[in-house]
Amino acid sequence: MGWFWSDTNPSAPRPSPAPPQPTAASPPPSCPMHKSDSKSSPFNRTSEPARPSACPVKDPTNHPLLNTPKQPQSTSTPPSQSQSQPSLLSKYNPLNLIPTGLTNTRSDSSIPRSDTNANWEYPSPQQMYNAMLRKGYTDTPIDAVESMVAVHNFLNEGAWAEIVEWESLFSQGLSAGWQNCARGEGFIAFHRAKREQMAERRLSLGLPEQSSTEVAAEPKLVRFQGRPKEPTPKARILSLLGMAFPATFGSEPPFDRHDWYVSRRGPDGTEKQVRYVIDYYGGGVQETGEPVFYLDIRPALDTPTAAAERAIRWSGDLWWRASGGVAREMDRVRQQQEDALARREAEG
């Protein structure tokens, strides 16, 4: 009964309790009602004036999860032993009865939100652990949660970087996307490195990483959805190919799947949502002991435009390599260098 009622103050006077009614039932020996002191039982206070109704845990000193309840004198545990051992309830969050000991500090991501001018926040280790318990992962060691949060944040940053690249290729339309993809993935990687170099140069000069026009046109994450038990059609096909040709295709299915809904701003200023599908694959462990992950990110086949974007990027790289685009590009660069050298000799 000491969970919800505090001990009474011995110095405060109170009326004499009424004699208990005779009954044939006998309470258990461990019940504090066996004590001769009537102050330990709230059910015997019939003559006490009524008190106004209030929450029993309003005062923090009376909270059962913050303070160890006082044991009756008839307990078999010595007082010295009970005081030396910490309470089991002190290891739990009083709001949700979930084990504590992890930090609640959240870190900001580089992923902008669509509803505010701020970025999305990553969950804290405590929030990650609580979510895993709700999903049934009760065997997760607490000391590994912080490392799991670090890997989770790293993968999300990589996924968003890939989505930003897709948006930079096709946000201005399919024709602009073909011009960007016609020279293959090498040309896309070159422009990606060029953008990163320009951003670092702006930061070194004390300028914003992006101009106001670039910030307004950048994609923003509207919402996301985890669907680990719903493999994508591509993941199913790759799993079947892995069973038939294990040397060429991996046999391990993706361990997770996410759907990210991104707000895209078109050349005319209009916005629309584009759904991206992300398959997470495990790639084993490196020699240093660090795990390897592979992310397969592409627009979902919700609209004909999304199907055209995936076809353009795939066929552009295929055409560039099959038609000898690398050799043509090297010949063009060599010819430009020879022309520049000839001009310098003519001027000299």
Protein backbone atom coordinates (compact mmCIF):
# COMPACT_ATOMS: atom_id res chain seq x y z
CA MET A 1 0.00 0.00 0.00
CA GLY A 2 3.07 2.28 0.32
CA TRP A 3 3.16 2.76 -3.50
CA PHE A 4 0.52 5.45 -3.54
CA TRP A 5 0.31 6.74 0.01
CA SER A 6 3.17 8.36 1.90
CA ASP A 7 3.82 7.71 5.53
CA THR A 8 2.02 10.03 7.86
CA ASN A 9 3.89 12.61 9.89
CA PRO A 10 4.21 11.36 13.49
CA SER A 11 4.18 14.89 14.82
CA ALA A 12 0.83 15.78 13.25
CA PRO A 13 -2.13 15.00 15.57
CA ARG A 14 -4.95 12.93 14.15
CA PRO A 15 -8.20 11.50 15.58
CA SER A 16 -8.26 8.02 17.01
CA PRO A 17 -9.17 5.42 14.45
CA ALA A 18 -12.45 3.59 14.68
CA PRO A 19 -12.27 -0.06 15.80
CA PRO A 20 -12.20 -2.47 12.86
CA GLN A 21 -15.26 -4.60 12.19
CA PRO A 22 -14.89 -8.30 12.97
CA THR A 23 -14.47 -10.51 9.94
CA ALA A 24 -13.69 -14.11 9.27
CA ALA A 25 -11.14 -13.35 6.54
CA SER A 26 -7.51 -12.91 7.47
CA PRO A 27 -5.08 -10.85 5.36
CA PRO A 28 -1.76 -12.33 4.26
CA PRO A 29 1.06 -12.18 6.80
CA SER A 30 3.09 -9.79 4.60
CA CYS A 31 0.26 -7.24 4.41
CA PRO A 32 0.93 -4.14 6.53
CA MET A 33 -2.64 -4.41 7.86
CA HIS A 34 -1.27 -6.96 10.38
CA LYS A 35 0.63 -4.17 12.10
CA SER A 36 -0.88 -2.92 15.29
CA ASP A 37 -0.07 0.64 14.32
CA SER A 38 -3.16 1.88 12.53
CA LYS A 39 -1.20 4.63 10.81
CA SER A 40 0.28 2.16 8.33
CA SER A 41 -3.13 1.21 6.90
CA PRO A 42 -5.16 3.78 4.99
CA PHE A 43 -8.32 1.69 5.23
CA ASN A 44 -8.69 2.19 8.99
CA ARG A 45 -8.88 6.01 8.84
CA THR A 46 -12.65 6.19 9.00
CA SER A 47 -12.74 9.07 11.46
CA GLU A 48 -10.22 11.23 9.57
CA PRO A 49 -11.75 14.26 7.80
CA ALA A 50 -12.00 13.93 4.03
CA ARG A 51 -9.18 15.46 2.00
CA PRO A 52 -9.53 17.13 -1.38
CA SER A 53 -8.90 14.83 -4.36
CA ALA A 54 -5.39 15.14 -5.85
CA CYS A 55 -2.91 13.10 -7.87
CA PRO A 56 -0.90 10.88 -5.50
CA VAL A 57 2.32 11.47 -7.48
CA LYS A 58 2.01 15.23 -7.80
CA ASP A 59 4.84 15.78 -5.36
CA PRO A 60 8.16 14.35 -6.68
CA THR A 61 9.02 13.20 -3.17
CA ASN A 62 5.99 10.89 -3.33
CA HIS A 63 6.78 9.40 -6.79
CA PRO A 64 7.17 5.60 -6.47
CA LEU A 65 9.61 5.41 -9.40
CA LEU A 66 11.92 8.13 -8.08
CA ASN A 67 12.13 7.03 -4.44
CA THR A 68 12.32 3.60 -2.92
CA PRO A 69 9.13 2.91 -0.91
CA LYS A 70 9.59 2.44 2.79
CA GLN A 71 9.27 -1.17 3.88
CA PRO A 72 7.21 -2.13 6.94
CA GLN A 73 9.12 -3.09 10.04
CA SER A 74 7.99 -6.72 9.77
CA THR A 75 10.08 -7.30 6.61
CA SER A 76 12.69 -10.00 6.73
CA THR A 77 15.34 -7.95 4.87
CA PRO A 78 17.75 -6.13 7.19
CA PRO A 79 17.69 -2.32 6.81
CA SER A 80 21.42 -2.16 6.10
CA GLN A 81 21.14 -4.58 3.16
CA SER A 82 18.14 -2.80 1.60
CA GLN A 83 19.90 0.58 1.80
CA SER A 84 23.14 -0.66 0.21
CA GLN A 85 21.44 -2.08 -2.92
CA PRO A 86 20.07 0.38 -5.54
CA SER A 87 16.41 0.14 -6.36
CA LEU A 88 15.51 -1.78 -9.51
CA LEU A 89 13.05 0.96 -10.44
CA SER A 90 15.87 3.52 -10.55
CA LYS A 91 17.15 1.84 -13.74
CA TYR A 92 13.89 2.53 -15.61
CA ASN A 93 12.41 5.61 -17.19
CA PRO A 94 9.47 6.65 -14.97
CA LEU A 95 7.49 7.76 -18.05
CA ASN A 96 7.56 4.51 -20.03
CA LEU A 97 9.25 1.89 -17.78
CA ILE A 98 12.02 1.38 -20.38
CA PRO A 99 15.61 0.88 -19.20
CA THR A 100 17.65 4.06 -19.20
CA GLY A 101 21.36 4.77 -19.30
CA LEU A 102 21.53 6.09 -22.89
CA THR A 103 21.77 9.69 -23.94
CA ASN A 104 18.75 11.61 -25.23
CA THR A 105 20.84 14.01 -27.31
CA ARG A 106 19.77 14.22 -30.96
CA SER A 107 21.98 15.33 -33.86
CA ASP A 108 20.95 17.34 -36.90
CA SER A 109 21.14 15.84 -40.38
CA SER A 110 21.87 17.51 -43.70
CA ILE A 111 18.39 16.56 -44.97
CA PRO A 112 16.08 19.60 -45.24
CA ARG A 113 12.46 19.34 -44.22
CA SER A 114 9.64 20.41 -46.49
CA ASP A 115 7.43 21.88 -43.76
CA THR A 116 10.04 24.08 -42.05
CA ASN A 117 13.34 25.75 -42.81
CA ALA A 118 15.17 23.33 -40.51
CA ASN A 119 16.71 19.95 -41.20
CA TRP A 120 15.56 16.58 -40.00
CA GLU A 121 16.90 15.37 -36.67
CA TYR A 122 18.27 11.90 -36.10
CA PRO A 123 16.92 9.88 -33.16
CA SER A 124 18.91 9.76 -29.96
CA PRO A 125 20.34 6.45 -28.73
CA GLN A 126 17.57 6.25 -26.13
CA GLN A 127 14.89 6.79 -28.78
CA MET A 128 16.50 4.19 -31.03
CA TYR A 129 16.54 1.65 -28.22
CA ASN A 130 12.91 2.37 -27.30
CA ALA A 131 11.85 1.91 -30.93
CA MET A 132 13.69 -1.41 -31.16
CA LEU A 133 11.95 -2.67 -28.04
CA ARG A 134 8.57 -1.70 -29.48
CA LYS A 135 9.39 -3.67 -32.64
CA GLY A 136 10.29 -6.77 -30.65
CA TYR A 137 14.11 -6.61 -30.74
CA THR A 138 14.48 -7.29 -27.02
CA ASP A 139 17.90 -8.97 -27.27
CA THR A 140 19.74 -5.83 -28.38
CA PRO A 141 22.64 -4.99 -26.01
CA ILE A 142 22.46 -1.46 -24.69
CA ASP A 143 26.20 -0.84 -25.18
CA ALA A 144 25.81 -1.39 -28.96
CA VAL A 145 23.01 1.14 -29.48
CA GLU A 146 25.26 4.18 -29.95
CA SER A 147 27.24 2.41 -32.69
CA MET A 148 23.98 1.43 -34.37
CA VAL A 149 22.84 5.05 -34.32
CA ALA A 150 26.11 6.15 -35.92
CA VAL A 151 25.72 3.58 -38.72
CA HIS A 152 22.06 4.56 -39.17
CA ASN A 153 22.97 8.24 -39.57
CA PHE A 154 25.83 7.46 -41.95
CA LEU A 155 23.60 5.38 -44.24
CA ASN A 156 20.89 8.04 -44.29
CA GLU A 157 23.40 10.72 -45.27
CA GLY A 158 24.61 8.53 -48.12
CA ALA A 159 21.06 7.83 -49.24
CA TRP A 160 20.20 11.52 -49.30
CA ALA A 161 23.34 12.36 -51.30
CA GLU A 162 22.26 9.85 -53.94
CA ILE A 163 18.73 11.28 -54.02
CA VAL A 164 20.13 14.79 -54.45
CA GLU A 165 22.12 13.54 -57.42
CA TRP A 166 19.00 12.05 -59.03
CA GLU A 167 17.21 15.35 -58.51
CA SER A 168 20.07 17.35 -60.01
CA LEU A 169 19.80 15.22 -63.15
CA PHE A 170 16.04 15.24 -63.71
CA SER A 171 14.49 18.13 -61.78
CA GLN A 172 14.72 20.33 -64.89
CA GLY A 173 12.94 17.82 -67.12
CA LEU A 174 13.65 14.69 -69.14
CA SER A 175 15.51 16.49 -71.94
CA ALA A 176 17.93 18.04 -69.46
CA GLY A 177 18.26 14.65 -67.82
CA TRP A 178 19.29 13.04 -71.10
CA GLN A 179 21.94 15.69 -71.66
CA ASN A 180 23.32 14.97 -68.20
CA CYS A 181 23.26 11.18 -68.62
CA ALA A 182 24.33 10.88 -72.26
CA ARG A 183 28.01 10.78 -71.28
CA GLY A 184 27.66 8.00 -68.73
CA GLU A 185 28.19 7.71 -65.03
CA GLY A 186 31.74 9.05 -65.31
CA PHE A 187 30.42 12.41 -66.50
CA ILE A 188 27.89 12.44 -63.63
CA ALA A 189 30.65 11.73 -61.11
CA PHE A 190 32.77 14.52 -62.62
CA HIS A 191 30.00 17.06 -62.16
CA ARG A 192 29.38 15.80 -58.64
CA ALA A 193 33.03 16.40 -57.73
CA LYS A 194 32.83 19.81 -59.38
CA ARG A 195 29.83 20.81 -57.27
CA GLU A 196 31.55 19.63 -54.08
CA GLN A 197 34.68 21.60 -54.97
CA MET A 198 32.65 24.75 -55.60
CA ALA A 199 30.87 24.32 -52.25
CA GLU A 200 34.18 23.93 -50.41
CA ARG A 201 35.56 27.00 -52.16
CA ARG A 202 32.56 29.08 -51.12
CA LEU A 203 32.99 27.96 -47.53
CA SER A 204 36.69 28.84 -47.57
CA LEU A 205 35.78 32.34 -48.76
CA GLY A 206 33.26 32.76 -45.98
CA LEU A 207 30.30 32.55 -48.34
CA PRO A 208 27.22 30.35 -47.89
CA GLU A 209 27.58 26.83 -49.22
CA GLN A 210 24.60 27.44 -51.50
CA SER A 211 23.12 30.54 -53.00
CA SER A 212 19.54 31.56 -52.23
CA THR A 213 18.45 30.30 -55.66
CA GLU A 214 20.06 26.92 -55.08
CA VAL A 215 18.52 26.64 -51.62
CA ALA A 216 15.03 27.33 -53.02
CA ALA A 217 15.50 24.74 -55.78
CA GLU A 218 17.03 21.99 -53.66
CA PRO A 219 14.90 18.91 -52.91
CA LYS A 220 13.37 18.46 -49.49
CA LEU A 221 12.30 15.32 -47.66
CA VAL A 222 8.56 15.28 -46.95
CA ARG A 223 8.33 11.97 -45.09
CA PHE A 224 9.76 8.48 -45.03
CA GLN A 225 8.45 5.00 -44.39
CA GLY A 226 10.21 1.82 -43.36
CA ARG A 227 8.96 -1.34 -45.09
CA PRO A 228 11.48 -4.09 -44.21
CA LYS A 229 8.94 -6.91 -44.69
CA GLU A 230 7.87 -5.76 -48.16
CA PRO A 231 10.72 -6.44 -50.62
CA THR A 232 10.69 -4.49 -53.86
CA PRO A 233 10.18 -6.26 -57.21
CA LYS A 234 13.82 -5.59 -58.10
CA ALA A 235 14.98 -7.16 -54.83
CA ARG A 236 12.86 -10.24 -55.51
CA ILE A 237 14.29 -10.59 -59.02
CA LEU A 238 17.86 -10.21 -57.77
CA SER A 239 17.23 -12.81 -55.07
CA LEU A 240 15.99 -15.30 -57.66
CA LEU A 241 18.97 -14.59 -59.89
CA GLY A 242 21.25 -15.04 -56.88
CA MET A 243 19.79 -18.49 -56.26
CA ALA A 244 20.32 -19.47 -59.91
CA PHE A 245 23.69 -17.72 -60.43
CA PRO A 246 25.29 -17.25 -56.99
CA ALA A 247 28.69 -16.41 -58.48
CA THR A 248 27.31 -13.42 -60.39
CA PHE A 249 24.46 -12.18 -58.20
CA GLY A 250 24.48 -12.03 -54.44
CA SER A 251 22.13 -14.43 -52.73
CA GLU A 252 21.53 -12.30 -49.64
CA PRO A 253 18.31 -10.25 -49.79
CA PRO A 254 18.27 -6.66 -48.54
CA PHE A 255 18.00 -6.39 -44.79
CA ASP A 256 15.86 -3.25 -44.93
CA ARG A 257 13.76 -1.13 -47.25
CA HIS A 258 12.75 2.52 -47.03
CA ASP A 259 10.44 4.70 -49.09
CA TRP A 260 11.35 8.39 -49.07
CA TYR A 261 8.94 11.02 -50.37
CA VAL A 262 10.81 14.01 -51.77
CA SER A 263 9.50 17.42 -52.77
CA ARG A 264 10.85 18.38 -56.23
CA ARG A 265 10.74 21.92 -57.61
CA GLY A 266 10.41 22.02 -61.40
CA PRO A 267 11.77 24.63 -63.83
CA ASP A 268 8.44 26.50 -63.71
CA GLY A 269 8.50 26.71 -59.90
CA THR A 270 5.86 24.06 -59.28
CA GLU A 271 6.44 21.34 -56.70
CA LYS A 272 5.54 17.68 -56.77
CA GLN A 273 6.31 14.64 -54.68
CA VAL A 274 8.61 11.93 -55.97
CA ARG A 275 8.87 8.60 -54.17
CA TYR A 276 12.29 6.98 -53.95
CA VAL A 277 12.87 3.35 -53.03
CA ILE A 278 15.96 2.37 -51.05
CA ASP A 279 17.17 -1.21 -50.62
CA TYR A 280 19.84 -1.77 -47.95
CA TYR A 281 22.28 -4.63 -48.55
CA GLY A 282 24.98 -5.95 -46.29
CA GLY A 283 28.38 -6.38 -47.93
CA GLY A 284 30.27 -8.35 -45.32
CA VAL A 285 33.07 -7.07 -43.12
CA GLN A 286 36.32 -5.38 -44.09
CA GLU A 287 39.74 -6.49 -42.88
CA THR A 288 39.60 -3.72 -40.29
CA GLY A 289 36.40 -5.20 -38.86
CA GLU A 290 34.11 -2.47 -40.16
CA PRO A 291 30.88 -3.58 -41.85
CA VAL A 292 30.16 -2.78 -45.50
CA PHE A 293 26.78 -1.70 -46.82
CA TYR A 294 25.36 -1.17 -50.30
CA LEU A 295 22.40 1.06 -51.05
CA ASP A 296 20.27 0.68 -54.19
CA ILE A 297 18.40 3.98 -54.63
CA ARG A 298 16.09 4.82 -57.53
CA PRO A 299 12.76 6.52 -58.22
CA ALA A 300 9.77 4.28 -57.64
CA LEU A 301 7.84 3.25 -60.73
CA ASP A 302 4.76 5.23 -59.78
CA THR A 303 4.54 7.37 -62.92
CA PRO A 304 5.72 7.13 -66.56
CA THR A 305 8.12 9.99 -65.81
CA ALA A 306 9.84 7.98 -63.08
CA ALA A 307 10.17 5.00 -65.44
CA ALA A 308 11.65 7.28 -68.13
CA GLU A 309 14.18 8.70 -65.67
CA ARG A 310 15.44 5.26 -64.72
CA ALA A 311 15.58 4.20 -68.38
CA ILE A 312 17.46 7.36 -69.41
CA ARG A 313 20.11 6.99 -66.75
CA TRP A 314 20.65 3.30 -67.45
CA SER A 315 20.60 3.61 -71.25
CA GLY A 316 22.76 6.74 -71.24
CA ASP A 317 25.59 4.98 -69.45
CA LEU A 318 25.16 1.85 -71.59
CA TRP A 319 25.24 3.83 -74.84
CA TRP A 320 28.27 5.83 -73.77
CA ARG A 321 30.34 2.74 -73.06
CA ALA A 322 29.07 0.64 -75.99
CA SER A 323 29.64 3.40 -78.55
CA GLY A 324 33.19 4.14 -77.46
CA GLY A 325 32.36 7.38 -75.70
CA VAL A 326 35.42 7.22 -73.46
CA ALA A 327 37.76 6.98 -76.47
CA ARG A 328 35.95 9.85 -78.23
CA GLU A 329 36.21 12.01 -75.15
CA MET A 330 39.94 11.33 -74.84
CA ASP A 331 40.46 12.20 -78.52
CA ARG A 332 38.52 15.44 -78.05
CA VAL A 333 40.59 16.46 -75.03
CA ARG A 334 43.81 15.59 -76.85
CA GLN A 335 42.75 17.65 -79.85
CA GLN A 336 41.97 20.64 -77.62
CA GLN A 337 45.39 20.42 -76.03
CA GLU A 338 47.11 20.27 -79.43
CA ASP A 339 45.12 23.28 -80.68
CA ALA A 340 46.05 25.27 -77.59
CA LEU A 341 49.70 24.39 -78.03
CA ALA A 342 49.60 25.42 -81.70
CA ARG A 343 48.09 28.80 -80.80
CA ARG A 344 50.79 29.48 -78.24
CA GLU A 345 53.51 28.62 -80.78
CA ALA A 346 51.89 30.88 -83.39
CA GLU A 347 51.71 33.76 -80.95
CA GLY A 348 55.29 33.25 -79.82
